[in-house]
Amino acid sequence: MKTVEAPKTIEPWRIICAAQSEPDYSEERYMLIYAGDRSDDYYDKGYILLEGWHCSCYDWPEVDWDATYYEEDELLKIADMRKRNPSDSAERRFFMLVEQALGAHQ
């Protein structure tokens, strides 16, 4: 686990799963992307977890993203912990999606 810089742009093929809290004055946003930055070089490169906060008075690009790099085993431990103790329903839903996407329930 390490803090990294959030990508300026995110190609659609990099997105694994995403969730957002219910539309309101402020919203929480979560996105899991592949860490590899080329479509032919992403497998086994780890993952970047993006967590952002958005005020409805701004547009999507105004989201301030915190980005953290994880290896798969670290991410699954974090997902299990955060789905059990979420700060909001979007966080719980998102980390359940993370587990599904990474095959934790197979």
C-alpha atoms as a PDB file:
ATOM      1  CA  MET A   1       0.000   0.000   0.000  1.00  0.00           C
ATOM      2  CA  LYS A   2       1.297   3.432  -0.911  1.00  0.00           C
ATOM      3  CA  THR A   3      -0.150   6.818  -1.744  1.00  0.00           C
ATOM      4  CA  VAL A   4       0.170   7.657  -5.431  1.00  0.00           C
ATOM      5  CA  GLU A   5      -0.895  10.499  -7.684  1.00  0.00           C
ATOM      6  CA  ALA A   6      -4.376  10.111  -9.152  1.00  0.00           C
ATOM      7  CA  PRO A   7      -4.326   9.792 -12.947  1.00  0.00           C
ATOM      8  CA  LYS A   8      -5.319  12.938 -14.826  1.00  0.00           C
ATOM      9  CA  THR A   9      -7.432  10.850 -17.214  1.00  0.00           C
ATOM     10  CA  ILE A  10      -8.784   7.336 -16.821  1.00  0.00           C
ATOM     11  CA  GLU A  11      -9.256   5.165 -19.872  1.00  0.00           C
ATOM     12  CA  PRO A  12     -12.460   3.076 -19.693  1.00  0.00           C
ATOM     13  CA  TRP A  13     -10.569  -0.243 -19.924  1.00  0.00           C
ATOM     14  CA  ARG A  14      -8.811   0.566 -16.606  1.00  0.00           C
ATOM     15  CA  ILE A  15     -12.044   0.822 -14.580  1.00  0.00           C
ATOM     16  CA  ILE A  16     -12.850  -2.327 -12.624  1.00  0.00           C
ATOM     17  CA  CYS A  17     -15.725  -1.032 -10.497  1.00  0.00           C
ATOM     18  CA  ALA A  18     -17.103   2.227  -9.120  1.00  0.00           C
ATOM     19  CA  ALA A  19     -19.751   3.488  -6.716  1.00  0.00           C
ATOM     20  CA  GLN A  20     -21.188   6.803  -5.636  1.00  0.00           C
ATOM     21  CA  SER A  21     -23.299   7.848  -2.685  1.00  0.00           C
ATOM     22  CA  GLU A  22     -26.855   9.008  -3.295  1.00  0.00           C
ATOM     23  CA  PRO A  23     -27.035  12.380  -5.081  1.00  0.00           C
ATOM     24  CA  ASP A  24     -26.961  15.117  -2.486  1.00  0.00           C
ATOM     25  CA  TYR A  25     -25.186  18.353  -1.714  1.00  0.00           C
ATOM     26  CA  SER A  26     -22.029  16.348  -1.082  1.00  0.00           C
ATOM     27  CA  GLU A  27     -21.246  12.946  -2.500  1.00  0.00           C
ATOM     28  CA  GLU A  28     -18.635  10.259  -1.911  1.00  0.00           C
ATOM     29  CA  ARG A  29     -17.143   8.537  -4.937  1.00  0.00           C
ATOM     30  CA  TYR A  30     -15.094   5.366  -5.160  1.00  0.00           C
ATOM     31  CA  MET A  31     -13.334   3.798  -8.132  1.00  0.00           C
ATOM     32  CA  LEU A  32     -10.980   0.841  -8.527  1.00  0.00           C
ATOM     33  CA  ILE A  33      -8.694   0.858 -11.555  1.00  0.00           C
ATOM     34  CA  TYR A  34      -5.837  -1.240 -12.871  1.00  0.00           C
ATOM     35  CA  ALA A  35      -2.468   0.276 -11.941  1.00  0.00           C
ATOM     36  CA  GLY A  36      -0.863  -0.621 -15.287  1.00  0.00           C
ATOM     37  CA  ASP A  37      -1.215   2.286 -17.663  1.00  0.00           C
ATOM     38  CA  ARG A  38      -1.299   0.509 -21.033  1.00  0.00           C
ATOM     39  CA  SER A  39      -4.001  -1.816 -22.291  1.00  0.00           C
ATOM     40  CA  ASP A  40      -1.353  -4.433 -23.138  1.00  0.00           C
ATOM     41  CA  ASP A  41       0.519  -4.073 -19.830  1.00  0.00           C
ATOM     42  CA  TYR A  42      -1.877  -4.046 -16.900  1.00  0.00           C
ATOM     43  CA  TYR A  43      -2.101  -7.640 -15.717  1.00  0.00           C
ATOM     44  CA  ASP A  44      -0.426  -8.305 -12.370  1.00  0.00           C
ATOM     45  CA  LYS A  45       0.511  -4.643 -11.872  1.00  0.00           C
ATOM     46  CA  GLY A  46      -1.689  -4.073  -8.826  1.00  0.00           C
ATOM     47  CA  TYR A  47      -4.601  -1.712  -8.364  1.00  0.00           C
ATOM     48  CA  ILE A  48      -5.278   1.930  -7.601  1.00  0.00           C
ATOM     49  CA  LEU A  49      -8.136   2.775  -5.279  1.00  0.00           C
ATOM     50  CA  LEU A  50      -9.525   6.256  -5.932  1.00  0.00           C
ATOM     51  CA  GLU A  51     -11.642   7.883  -3.239  1.00  0.00           C
ATOM     52  CA  GLY A  52     -13.142  11.280  -3.864  1.00  0.00           C
ATOM     53  CA  TRP A  53     -15.483  13.827  -2.436  1.00  0.00           C
ATOM     54  CA  HIS A  54     -17.687  16.007  -4.596  1.00  0.00           C
ATOM     55  CA  CYS A  55     -19.796  19.050  -3.817  1.00  0.00           C
ATOM     56  CA  SER A  56     -22.858  19.316  -6.057  1.00  0.00           C
ATOM     57  CA  CYS A  57     -22.051  22.930  -6.803  1.00  0.00           C
ATOM     58  CA  TYR A  58     -19.154  21.674  -8.963  1.00  0.00           C
ATOM     59  CA  ASP A  59     -18.907  19.338 -11.940  1.00  0.00           C
ATOM     60  CA  TRP A  60     -17.355  15.845 -12.009  1.00  0.00           C
ATOM     61  CA  PRO A  61     -13.848  17.119 -12.888  1.00  0.00           C
ATOM     62  CA  GLU A  62     -13.853  19.063  -9.628  1.00  0.00           C
ATOM     63  CA  VAL A  63     -13.655  15.888  -7.548  1.00  0.00           C
ATOM     64  CA  ASP A  64     -10.527  15.774  -5.406  1.00  0.00           C
ATOM     65  CA  TRP A  65      -9.277  12.207  -5.609  1.00  0.00           C
ATOM     66  CA  ASP A  66      -7.088  10.427  -3.071  1.00  0.00           C
ATOM     67  CA  ALA A  67      -5.237   7.584  -4.766  1.00  0.00           C
ATOM     68  CA  THR A  68      -3.714   4.549  -3.070  1.00  0.00           C
ATOM     69  CA  TYR A  69      -1.850   1.691  -4.743  1.00  0.00           C
ATOM     70  CA  TYR A  70      -2.553  -1.842  -3.463  1.00  0.00           C
ATOM     71  CA  GLU A  71      -1.446  -5.351  -4.280  1.00  0.00           C
ATOM     72  CA  GLU A  72      -4.389  -7.757  -4.561  1.00  0.00           C
ATOM     73  CA  ASP A  73      -3.998  -9.395  -1.142  1.00  0.00           C
ATOM     74  CA  GLU A  74      -3.796  -5.998   0.608  1.00  0.00           C
ATOM     75  CA  LEU A  75      -6.836  -4.737  -1.260  1.00  0.00           C
ATOM     76  CA  LEU A  76      -8.942  -7.758  -0.326  1.00  0.00           C
ATOM     77  CA  LYS A  77      -8.099  -7.286   3.371  1.00  0.00           C
ATOM     78  CA  ILE A  78      -9.030  -3.596   3.183  1.00  0.00           C
ATOM     79  CA  ALA A  79     -12.242  -4.428   1.300  1.00  0.00           C
ATOM     80  CA  ASP A  80     -13.306  -6.949   3.924  1.00  0.00           C
ATOM     81  CA  MET A  81     -12.663  -4.497   6.751  1.00  0.00           C
ATOM     82  CA  ARG A  82     -14.317  -1.495   5.103  1.00  0.00           C
ATOM     83  CA  LYS A  83     -17.453  -3.310   3.963  1.00  0.00           C
ATOM     84  CA  ARG A  84     -17.992  -4.355   7.593  1.00  0.00           C
ATOM     85  CA  ASN A  85     -17.447  -0.828   8.968  1.00  0.00           C
ATOM     86  CA  PRO A  86     -18.462   1.576   6.190  1.00  0.00           C
ATOM     87  CA  SER A  87     -18.859   5.317   6.587  1.00  0.00           C
ATOM     88  CA  ASP A  88     -21.813   5.244   4.153  1.00  0.00           C
ATOM     89  CA  SER A  89     -23.823   2.781   2.055  1.00  0.00           C
ATOM     90  CA  ALA A  90     -21.836   3.593  -1.093  1.00  0.00           C
ATOM     91  CA  GLU A  91     -18.626   2.546   0.631  1.00  0.00           C
ATOM     92  CA  ARG A  92     -20.126  -0.793   1.685  1.00  0.00           C
ATOM     93  CA  ARG A  93     -21.551  -1.393  -1.813  1.00  0.00           C
ATOM     94  CA  PHE A  94     -18.246  -0.448  -3.439  1.00  0.00           C
ATOM     95  CA  PHE A  95     -16.122  -2.788  -1.357  1.00  0.00           C
ATOM     96  CA  MET A  96     -18.550  -5.642  -1.985  1.00  0.00           C
ATOM     97  CA  LEU A  97     -18.036  -4.955  -5.717  1.00  0.00           C
ATOM     98  CA  VAL A  98     -14.265  -4.986  -5.202  1.00  0.00           C
ATOM     99  CA  GLU A  99     -14.462  -8.437  -3.630  1.00  0.00           C
ATOM    100  CA  GLN A 100     -16.651  -9.709  -6.468  1.00  0.00           C
ATOM    101  CA  ALA A 101     -14.391  -8.235  -9.139  1.00  0.00           C
ATOM    102  CA  LEU A 102     -11.276  -9.778  -7.632  1.00  0.00           C
ATOM    103  CA  GLY A 103     -12.946 -13.146  -7.153  1.00  0.00           C
ATOM    104  CA  ALA A 104     -12.885 -13.215  -3.352  1.00  0.00           C
ATOM    105  CA  HIS A 105     -16.077 -15.265  -3.203  1.00  0.00           C
ATOM    106  CA  GLN A 106     -15.118 -17.985  -5.671  1.00  0.00           C
END
